């Protein structure tokens, strides 16, 4: 199923929590799922963002991901600069939010041949070794936006009903 996705495997309700200041708001949406496989040599972040843009996904999340890398580019917590790891790595986890207008926020954990595991923000420049099999859930009734939070001063996730400002 290389680079193909499965159309509408699942239509279900998803509760998604959006934290706004100190109040938690619950947004309910139907979900459409996609399954794809990225190939050796692909940059996972670039390919995922291209997929999201091509399919105009406004609010999506990574449901599952397994694969391997020969290069992992991570930005560690509280660091401004990315770190490049080279070798053979198993993808232990990949999680985060995806959006065609808001951009993506992805965290990656990888382990080496000794089991040592490192993780951080997935940055452009990582390289797939054999595969990345990934499932994506798109909330069809929601839109993710990134807006400056007055408390953190960073652009943080805000969740809106689709077609809402």
N, C-alpha and C. Protein backbone atom coordinates (compact mmCIF):
# COMPACT_ATOMS: atom_id res chain seq x y z
N UNK A 1 0.81 -1.19 0.00
CA UNK A 1 0.00 0.00 0.00
C UNK A 1 0.86 1.26 0.00
N UNK A 2 1.98 1.23 -0.66
CA UNK A 2 2.89 2.35 -0.64
C UNK A 2 2.22 3.65 -1.07
N UNK A 3 2.29 4.64 -0.21
CA UNK A 3 1.77 6.00 -0.43
C UNK A 3 0.28 6.04 -0.70
N UNK A 4 -0.42 4.99 -0.39
CA UNK A 4 -1.88 5.01 -0.56
C UNK A 4 -2.52 5.13 0.80
N UNK A 5 -3.68 5.67 0.82
CA UNK A 5 -4.39 5.77 2.09
C UNK A 5 -5.72 5.08 1.96
N UNK A 6 -6.21 4.64 3.07
CA UNK A 6 -7.50 3.96 3.12
C UNK A 6 -8.58 5.01 3.33
N UNK A 7 -9.56 5.04 2.44
CA UNK A 7 -10.65 6.01 2.57
C UNK A 7 -11.63 5.57 3.64
N UNK A 8 -11.90 6.48 4.47
CA UNK A 8 -12.92 6.36 5.51
C UNK A 8 -13.04 4.98 6.12
N UNK A 9 -12.02 4.59 6.86
CA UNK A 9 -12.04 3.31 7.56
C UNK A 9 -13.00 3.40 8.74
N UNK A 10 -13.01 4.55 9.33
CA UNK A 10 -13.74 4.69 10.58
C UNK A 10 -14.48 6.00 10.63
N UNK A 11 -15.73 5.97 11.02
CA UNK A 11 -16.45 7.20 11.28
C UNK A 11 -16.97 7.09 12.70
N UNK A 12 -16.36 7.84 13.56
CA UNK A 12 -16.74 7.73 14.96
C UNK A 12 -16.65 9.10 15.61
N UNK A 13 -17.08 9.18 16.83
CA UNK A 13 -16.98 10.43 17.56
C UNK A 13 -15.69 10.44 18.35
N UNK A 14 -15.09 11.60 18.44
CA UNK A 14 -13.86 11.76 19.18
C UNK A 14 -14.02 12.94 20.12
N UNK A 15 -13.68 12.72 21.36
CA UNK A 15 -13.64 13.83 22.29
C UNK A 15 -12.21 14.37 22.29
N UNK A 16 -12.08 15.63 22.06
CA UNK A 16 -10.77 16.25 22.02
C UNK A 16 -10.76 17.41 23.00
N UNK A 17 -9.83 17.37 23.93
CA UNK A 17 -9.74 18.44 24.92
C UNK A 17 -8.87 19.56 24.39
N UNK A 18 -9.38 20.74 24.52
CA UNK A 18 -8.62 21.93 24.16
C UNK A 18 -8.47 22.77 25.41
N UNK A 19 -7.26 22.91 25.87
CA UNK A 19 -7.03 23.69 27.08
C UNK A 19 -6.88 25.15 26.71
N UNK A 20 -7.72 25.97 27.27
CA UNK A 20 -7.70 27.40 27.01
C UNK A 20 -7.65 28.12 28.34
N UNK A 21 -6.53 28.76 28.61
CA UNK A 21 -6.28 29.37 29.92
C UNK A 21 -6.47 28.30 30.98
N UNK A 22 -7.32 28.52 31.95
CA UNK A 22 -7.52 27.53 33.01
C UNK A 22 -8.76 26.69 32.75
N UNK A 23 -9.49 26.97 31.67
CA UNK A 23 -10.74 26.26 31.40
C UNK A 23 -10.54 25.20 30.33
N UNK A 24 -11.14 24.04 30.52
CA UNK A 24 -11.07 22.99 29.52
C UNK A 24 -12.37 22.96 28.74
N UNK A 25 -12.27 23.02 27.40
CA UNK A 25 -13.45 22.94 26.55
C UNK A 25 -13.41 21.61 25.81
N UNK A 26 -14.54 20.98 25.67
CA UNK A 26 -14.62 19.71 24.97
C UNK A 26 -15.21 19.95 23.59
N UNK A 27 -14.52 19.47 22.58
CA UNK A 27 -14.99 19.57 21.20
C UNK A 27 -15.24 18.17 20.68
N UNK A 28 -16.38 17.95 20.06
CA UNK A 28 -16.75 16.64 19.54
C UNK A 28 -16.74 16.70 18.03
N UNK A 29 -16.20 15.66 17.41
CA UNK A 29 -16.12 15.62 15.95
C UNK A 29 -16.15 14.19 15.45
N UNK A 30 -16.58 14.03 14.21
CA UNK A 30 -16.41 12.76 13.53
C UNK A 30 -14.95 12.65 13.10
N UNK A 31 -14.47 11.43 12.89
CA UNK A 31 -13.09 11.24 12.47
C UNK A 31 -13.03 10.42 11.19
N UNK A 32 -12.17 10.85 10.30
CA UNK A 32 -11.85 10.10 9.09
C UNK A 32 -10.40 9.66 9.25
N UNK A 33 -10.13 8.38 8.99
CA UNK A 33 -8.77 7.90 9.18
C UNK A 33 -8.09 7.61 7.85
N UNK A 34 -6.77 7.79 7.88
CA UNK A 34 -5.92 7.52 6.72
C UNK A 34 -4.77 6.63 7.18
N UNK A 35 -4.36 5.75 6.32
CA UNK A 35 -3.20 4.91 6.59
C UNK A 35 -2.26 5.06 5.39
N UNK A 36 -1.00 5.36 5.66
CA UNK A 36 -0.05 5.49 4.57
C UNK A 36 1.30 4.93 4.98
N UNK A 37 2.11 4.67 3.97
CA UNK A 37 3.47 4.19 4.19
C UNK A 37 4.42 5.12 3.47
N UNK A 38 5.37 5.63 4.22
CA UNK A 38 6.43 6.44 3.63
C UNK A 38 7.62 5.53 3.35
N UNK A 39 8.42 5.89 2.38
CA UNK A 39 9.47 5.01 1.84
C UNK A 39 10.87 5.42 2.27
N UNK A 40 11.83 4.51 2.03
CA UNK A 40 13.23 4.82 2.33
C UNK A 40 13.67 6.13 1.67
N UNK A 41 14.40 6.93 2.44
CA UNK A 41 14.91 8.20 1.94
C UNK A 41 13.98 9.38 2.15
N UNK A 42 12.70 9.13 2.45
CA UNK A 42 11.75 10.22 2.67
C UNK A 42 12.07 10.95 3.97
N UNK A 43 11.75 12.24 4.00
CA UNK A 43 11.79 13.04 5.22
C UNK A 43 10.39 12.98 5.83
N UNK A 44 10.23 12.33 6.99
CA UNK A 44 8.88 12.12 7.52
C UNK A 44 8.10 13.41 7.77
N UNK A 45 8.74 14.43 8.31
CA UNK A 45 8.02 15.67 8.61
C UNK A 45 7.55 16.35 7.33
N UNK A 46 8.42 16.41 6.35
CA UNK A 46 8.07 17.05 5.07
C UNK A 46 6.96 16.28 4.37
N UNK A 47 7.06 14.94 4.34
CA UNK A 47 6.05 14.11 3.66
C UNK A 47 4.70 14.18 4.38
N UNK A 48 4.72 14.17 5.71
CA UNK A 48 3.46 14.25 6.46
C UNK A 48 2.78 15.60 6.23
N UNK A 49 3.56 16.69 6.26
CA UNK A 49 2.96 18.00 6.04
C UNK A 49 2.42 18.11 4.61
N UNK A 50 3.13 17.54 3.64
CA UNK A 50 2.64 17.55 2.26
C UNK A 50 1.33 16.77 2.14
N UNK A 51 1.23 15.62 2.81
CA UNK A 51 0.00 14.83 2.80
C UNK A 51 -1.16 15.62 3.41
N UNK A 52 -0.89 16.26 4.54
CA UNK A 52 -1.91 17.06 5.22
C UNK A 52 -2.37 18.20 4.31
N UNK A 53 -1.43 18.88 3.67
CA UNK A 53 -1.77 19.99 2.77
C UNK A 53 -2.55 19.51 1.55
N UNK A 54 -2.11 18.42 0.93
CA UNK A 54 -2.78 17.89 -0.26
C UNK A 54 -4.21 17.47 0.03
N UNK A 55 -4.46 16.99 1.24
CA UNK A 55 -5.79 16.53 1.62
C UNK A 55 -6.57 17.57 2.41
N UNK A 56 -5.99 18.76 2.54
CA UNK A 56 -6.63 19.89 3.21
C UNK A 56 -7.16 19.50 4.59
N UNK A 57 -6.33 18.78 5.36
CA UNK A 57 -6.73 18.36 6.70
C UNK A 57 -6.54 19.53 7.65
N UNK A 58 -7.62 19.98 8.26
CA UNK A 58 -7.58 21.16 9.13
C UNK A 58 -7.28 20.80 10.59
N UNK A 59 -7.59 19.56 10.97
CA UNK A 59 -7.37 19.12 12.35
C UNK A 59 -7.13 17.62 12.33
N UNK A 60 -5.90 17.21 12.53
CA UNK A 60 -5.57 15.78 12.49
C UNK A 60 -4.57 15.45 13.58
N UNK A 61 -4.50 14.17 13.92
CA UNK A 61 -3.56 13.67 14.91
C UNK A 61 -2.92 12.39 14.41
N UNK A 62 -1.74 12.10 14.91
CA UNK A 62 -1.09 10.83 14.62
C UNK A 62 -1.69 9.79 15.55
N UNK A 63 -2.26 8.72 14.98
CA UNK A 63 -2.86 7.65 15.78
C UNK A 63 -1.84 6.56 16.11
N UNK A 64 -1.01 6.21 15.12
CA UNK A 64 0.05 5.22 15.35
C UNK A 64 1.13 5.41 14.31
N UNK A 65 2.34 5.00 14.66
CA UNK A 65 3.46 5.11 13.74
C UNK A 65 4.53 4.10 14.13
N UNK A 66 5.00 3.34 13.15
CA UNK A 66 6.13 2.43 13.35
C UNK A 66 7.05 2.54 12.15
N UNK A 67 8.34 2.40 12.39
CA UNK A 67 9.28 2.47 11.29
C UNK A 67 10.70 2.63 11.79
N UNK A 68 11.57 3.08 10.88
CA UNK A 68 12.98 3.21 11.21
C UNK A 68 13.58 4.40 10.48
N UNK A 69 14.66 4.91 11.04
CA UNK A 69 15.35 6.07 10.48
C UNK A 69 16.85 5.81 10.41
N UNK A 70 17.53 6.47 9.48
CA UNK A 70 18.98 6.50 9.47
C UNK A 70 19.49 7.85 9.95
N UNK A 71 18.60 8.81 9.98
CA UNK A 71 18.93 10.13 10.52
C UNK A 71 17.70 10.67 11.22
N UNK A 72 17.89 11.13 12.45
CA UNK A 72 16.80 11.73 13.22
C UNK A 72 17.23 13.14 13.62
N UNK A 73 16.41 14.12 13.25
CA UNK A 73 16.69 15.50 13.61
C UNK A 73 15.65 15.91 14.65
N UNK A 74 16.13 16.17 15.86
CA UNK A 74 15.27 16.46 17.00
C UNK A 74 15.67 17.79 17.63
N UNK A 75 14.67 18.50 18.12
CA UNK A 75 14.94 19.67 18.97
C UNK A 75 14.53 19.26 20.37
N UNK A 76 15.52 19.18 21.24
CA UNK A 76 15.27 18.74 22.61
C UNK A 76 14.55 19.83 23.41
N UNK A 77 13.96 19.43 24.51
CA UNK A 77 13.22 20.36 25.38
C UNK A 77 14.11 21.52 25.79
N UNK A 78 13.52 22.71 25.76
CA UNK A 78 14.17 23.94 26.19
C UNK A 78 15.47 24.23 25.44
N UNK A 79 15.54 23.80 24.19
CA UNK A 79 16.70 24.05 23.34
C UNK A 79 16.25 24.77 22.08
N UNK A 80 17.06 25.69 21.63
CA UNK A 80 16.72 26.44 20.42
C UNK A 80 17.22 25.75 19.15
N UNK A 81 18.24 24.91 19.28
CA UNK A 81 18.87 24.33 18.10
C UNK A 81 18.60 22.83 18.00
N UNK A 82 18.41 22.34 16.76
CA UNK A 82 18.19 20.90 16.57
C UNK A 82 19.47 20.10 16.74
N UNK A 83 19.30 18.83 17.07
CA UNK A 83 20.40 17.87 17.17
C UNK A 83 20.17 16.80 16.11
N UNK A 84 21.22 16.45 15.38
CA UNK A 84 21.11 15.42 14.35
C UNK A 84 21.77 14.13 14.84
N UNK A 85 21.00 13.06 14.84
CA UNK A 85 21.49 11.73 15.21
C UNK A 85 21.63 10.91 13.94
N UNK A 86 22.75 10.23 13.75
CA UNK A 86 22.92 9.37 12.59
C UNK A 86 23.20 7.95 13.05
N UNK A 87 22.74 6.98 12.28
CA UNK A 87 22.86 5.57 12.61
C UNK A 87 21.59 4.86 12.19
N UNK A 88 21.27 3.76 12.87
CA UNK A 88 20.02 3.06 12.61
C UNK A 88 19.16 3.14 13.87
N UNK A 89 17.95 3.66 13.70
CA UNK A 89 17.06 3.90 14.83
C UNK A 89 15.68 3.32 14.56
N UNK A 90 15.09 2.76 15.61
CA UNK A 90 13.69 2.36 15.57
C UNK A 90 12.85 3.53 16.05
N UNK A 91 11.72 3.76 15.39
CA UNK A 91 10.79 4.76 15.86
C UNK A 91 9.98 4.13 16.99
N UNK A 92 10.18 4.62 18.19
CA UNK A 92 9.49 4.09 19.37
C UNK A 92 8.13 4.75 19.50
N UNK A 93 8.07 6.05 19.17
CA UNK A 93 6.78 6.74 19.18
C UNK A 93 6.86 7.98 18.30
N UNK A 94 5.73 8.32 17.74
CA UNK A 94 5.55 9.56 17.00
C UNK A 94 4.15 10.03 17.34
N UNK A 95 4.04 11.21 17.90
CA UNK A 95 2.72 11.71 18.27
C UNK A 95 2.66 13.20 18.00
N UNK A 96 1.43 13.68 17.88
CA UNK A 96 1.28 15.11 17.71
C UNK A 96 0.06 15.49 16.89
N UNK A 97 -0.02 16.79 16.64
CA UNK A 97 -1.13 17.36 15.89
C UNK A 97 -0.65 17.80 14.51
N UNK A 98 -1.57 17.70 13.54
CA UNK A 98 -1.29 18.06 12.15
C UNK A 98 -2.39 18.99 11.67
N UNK A 99 -2.02 19.98 10.88
CA UNK A 99 -3.01 20.88 10.32
C UNK A 99 -2.48 21.56 9.08
N UNK A 100 -3.35 21.76 8.08
CA UNK A 100 -2.91 22.35 6.83
C UNK A 100 -2.68 23.85 6.94
N UNK A 101 -3.40 24.51 7.85
CA UNK A 101 -3.22 25.95 7.99
C UNK A 101 -2.41 26.32 9.22
N UNK A 102 -2.44 25.47 10.23
CA UNK A 102 -1.77 25.79 11.49
C UNK A 102 -0.37 25.23 11.58
N UNK A 103 -0.02 24.34 10.67
CA UNK A 103 1.25 23.65 10.80
C UNK A 103 1.10 22.47 11.73
N UNK A 104 2.20 21.78 11.94
CA UNK A 104 2.17 20.56 12.74
C UNK A 104 3.06 20.70 13.97
N UNK A 105 2.74 19.92 14.99
CA UNK A 105 3.52 19.87 16.22
C UNK A 105 3.72 18.40 16.53
N UNK A 106 4.90 17.88 16.19
CA UNK A 106 5.16 16.46 16.29
C UNK A 106 6.33 16.17 17.22
N UNK A 107 6.16 15.15 18.06
CA UNK A 107 7.23 14.68 18.94
C UNK A 107 7.61 13.26 18.50
N UNK A 108 8.91 12.99 18.49
CA UNK A 108 9.44 11.70 18.05
C UNK A 108 10.37 11.14 19.12
N UNK A 109 10.25 9.84 19.38
CA UNK A 109 11.20 9.11 20.22
C UNK A 109 11.79 7.99 19.37
N UNK A 110 13.12 7.86 19.43
CA UNK A 110 13.81 6.81 18.69
C UNK A 110 14.75 6.07 19.64
N UNK A 111 15.01 4.79 19.32
CA UNK A 111 15.97 4.02 20.10
C UNK A 111 17.05 3.47 19.17
N UNK A 112 18.27 3.35 19.72
CA UNK A 112 19.37 2.81 18.93
C UNK A 112 19.50 1.31 19.17
N UNK A 113 20.60 0.71 18.68
CA UNK A 113 20.74 -0.75 18.78
C UNK A 113 21.05 -1.23 20.19
N UNK A 114 21.23 -0.31 21.14
CA UNK A 114 21.42 -0.70 22.54
C UNK A 114 20.16 -0.45 23.36
N UNK A 115 19.15 0.14 22.72
CA UNK A 115 17.92 0.45 23.41
C UNK A 115 17.89 1.85 23.99
N UNK A 116 19.00 2.58 23.88
CA UNK A 116 19.02 3.96 24.34
C UNK A 116 17.98 4.75 23.55
N UNK A 117 17.15 5.48 24.27
CA UNK A 117 16.04 6.20 23.64
C UNK A 117 16.18 7.69 23.88
N UNK A 118 15.98 8.45 22.81
CA UNK A 118 16.00 9.91 22.86
C UNK A 118 14.75 10.43 22.17
N UNK A 119 14.31 11.60 22.57
CA UNK A 119 13.12 12.15 21.93
C UNK A 119 13.09 13.66 22.02
N UNK A 120 12.27 14.23 21.17
CA UNK A 120 12.09 15.67 21.15
C UNK A 120 11.16 16.05 20.02
N UNK A 121 11.18 17.33 19.66
CA UNK A 121 10.38 17.81 18.52
C UNK A 121 10.98 17.27 17.24
N UNK A 122 10.15 16.67 16.38
CA UNK A 122 10.61 16.22 15.06
C UNK A 122 10.83 17.45 14.18
N UNK A 123 12.02 17.53 13.61
CA UNK A 123 12.38 18.65 12.76
C UNK A 123 12.58 18.15 11.32
N UNK A 124 12.58 19.07 10.37
CA UNK A 124 12.91 18.72 8.98
C UNK A 124 14.31 18.13 8.92
N UNK A 125 14.50 17.18 8.00
CA UNK A 125 15.83 16.62 7.77
C UNK A 125 16.01 15.19 8.20
N UNK A 126 15.05 14.60 8.92
CA UNK A 126 15.15 13.19 9.28
C UNK A 126 15.01 12.35 8.01
N UNK A 127 15.55 11.13 8.03
CA UNK A 127 15.54 10.27 6.84
C UNK A 127 15.07 8.87 7.22
N UNK A 128 14.04 8.38 6.51
CA UNK A 128 13.50 7.04 6.75
C UNK A 128 14.47 5.99 6.22
N UNK A 129 14.71 4.93 7.03
CA UNK A 129 15.58 3.83 6.63
C UNK A 129 14.80 2.82 5.79
N UNK A 130 13.84 2.11 6.37
CA UNK A 130 13.09 1.10 5.61
C UNK A 130 11.63 1.50 5.37
N UNK A 131 11.00 2.08 6.38
CA UNK A 131 9.57 2.38 6.25
C UNK A 131 9.13 3.32 7.37
N UNK A 132 8.02 3.96 7.15
CA UNK A 132 7.25 4.59 8.22
C UNK A 132 5.80 4.31 7.90
N UNK A 133 5.20 3.43 8.70
CA UNK A 133 3.78 3.09 8.55
C UNK A 133 3.03 3.94 9.56
N UNK A 134 2.11 4.74 9.06
CA UNK A 134 1.48 5.73 9.93
C UNK A 134 -0.02 5.78 9.71
N UNK A 135 -0.76 5.91 10.81
CA UNK A 135 -2.21 6.11 10.77
C UNK A 135 -2.50 7.52 11.27
N UNK A 136 -3.36 8.21 10.54
CA UNK A 136 -3.71 9.59 10.85
C UNK A 136 -5.21 9.68 11.04
N UNK A 137 -5.64 10.35 12.08
CA UNK A 137 -7.05 10.61 12.32
C UNK A 137 -7.35 12.07 12.07
N UNK A 138 -8.28 12.34 11.15
CA UNK A 138 -8.65 13.72 10.83
C UNK A 138 -10.03 14.01 11.40
N UNK A 139 -10.12 15.03 12.24
CA UNK A 139 -11.39 15.44 12.81
C UNK A 139 -12.09 16.32 11.78
N UNK A 140 -13.16 15.82 11.23
CA UNK A 140 -13.81 16.48 10.09
C UNK A 140 -14.63 17.70 10.47
N UNK A 141 -14.92 17.88 11.75
CA UNK A 141 -15.76 19.00 12.19
C UNK A 141 -14.98 20.06 12.97
N UNK A 142 -13.65 19.93 12.98
CA UNK A 142 -12.83 20.85 13.76
C UNK A 142 -11.74 21.47 12.91
N UNK A 143 -11.17 22.55 13.44
CA UNK A 143 -10.01 23.18 12.82
C UNK A 143 -9.03 23.54 13.92
N UNK A 144 -7.75 23.19 13.70
CA UNK A 144 -6.70 23.56 14.63
C UNK A 144 -6.09 24.88 14.17
N UNK A 145 -5.84 25.75 15.14
CA UNK A 145 -5.13 26.99 14.86
C UNK A 145 -4.08 27.17 15.94
N UNK A 146 -3.04 27.89 15.62
CA UNK A 146 -2.00 28.21 16.59
C UNK A 146 -2.06 29.71 16.85
N UNK A 147 -2.29 30.05 18.10
CA UNK A 147 -2.41 31.45 18.48
C UNK A 147 -1.53 31.72 19.69
N UNK A 148 -1.01 32.93 19.78
CA UNK A 148 -0.15 33.29 20.90
C UNK A 148 -0.96 33.23 22.19
N UNK A 149 -0.44 32.47 23.14
CA UNK A 149 -1.06 32.35 24.46
C UNK A 149 -0.45 33.42 25.36
N UNK A 150 -1.30 34.22 26.02
CA UNK A 150 -0.75 35.30 26.85
C UNK A 150 0.08 34.81 28.04
N UNK A 151 -0.15 33.58 28.48
CA UNK A 151 0.58 33.04 29.63
C UNK A 151 1.94 32.49 29.19
N UNK A 152 1.94 31.64 28.16
CA UNK A 152 3.20 31.02 27.73
C UNK A 152 3.98 31.90 26.77
N UNK A 153 3.31 32.80 26.09
CA UNK A 153 3.84 33.68 25.04
C UNK A 153 4.24 32.92 23.77
N UNK A 154 3.88 31.65 23.69
CA UNK A 154 4.12 30.85 22.49
C UNK A 154 2.83 30.66 21.72
N UNK A 155 2.97 30.32 20.43
CA UNK A 155 1.78 29.96 19.65
C UNK A 155 1.35 28.57 20.10
N UNK A 156 0.18 28.50 20.72
CA UNK A 156 -0.35 27.25 21.27
C UNK A 156 -1.60 26.83 20.51
N UNK A 157 -1.94 25.57 20.64
CA UNK A 157 -3.09 24.99 19.94
C UNK A 157 -4.40 25.58 20.46
N UNK A 158 -5.24 25.98 19.54
CA UNK A 158 -6.63 26.36 19.82
C UNK A 158 -7.49 25.52 18.89
N UNK A 159 -8.58 25.00 19.40
CA UNK A 159 -9.47 24.14 18.63
C UNK A 159 -10.78 24.87 18.41
N UNK A 160 -11.22 24.91 17.15
CA UNK A 160 -12.45 25.61 16.79
C UNK A 160 -13.36 24.66 16.02
N UNK A 161 -14.67 24.81 16.18
CA UNK A 161 -15.57 24.11 15.28
C UNK A 161 -15.27 24.59 13.85
N UNK A 162 -15.33 23.70 12.89
CA UNK A 162 -15.02 24.07 11.51
C UNK A 162 -15.93 25.20 11.05
N UNK A 163 -15.38 26.11 10.26
CA UNK A 163 -16.06 27.29 9.75
C UNK A 163 -16.31 28.33 10.83
N UNK A 164 -15.61 28.22 11.93
CA UNK A 164 -15.71 29.20 13.01
C UNK A 164 -14.45 30.05 13.02
N UNK A 165 -14.58 31.24 13.42
CA UNK A 165 -13.41 32.12 13.54
C UNK A 165 -12.90 31.96 14.94
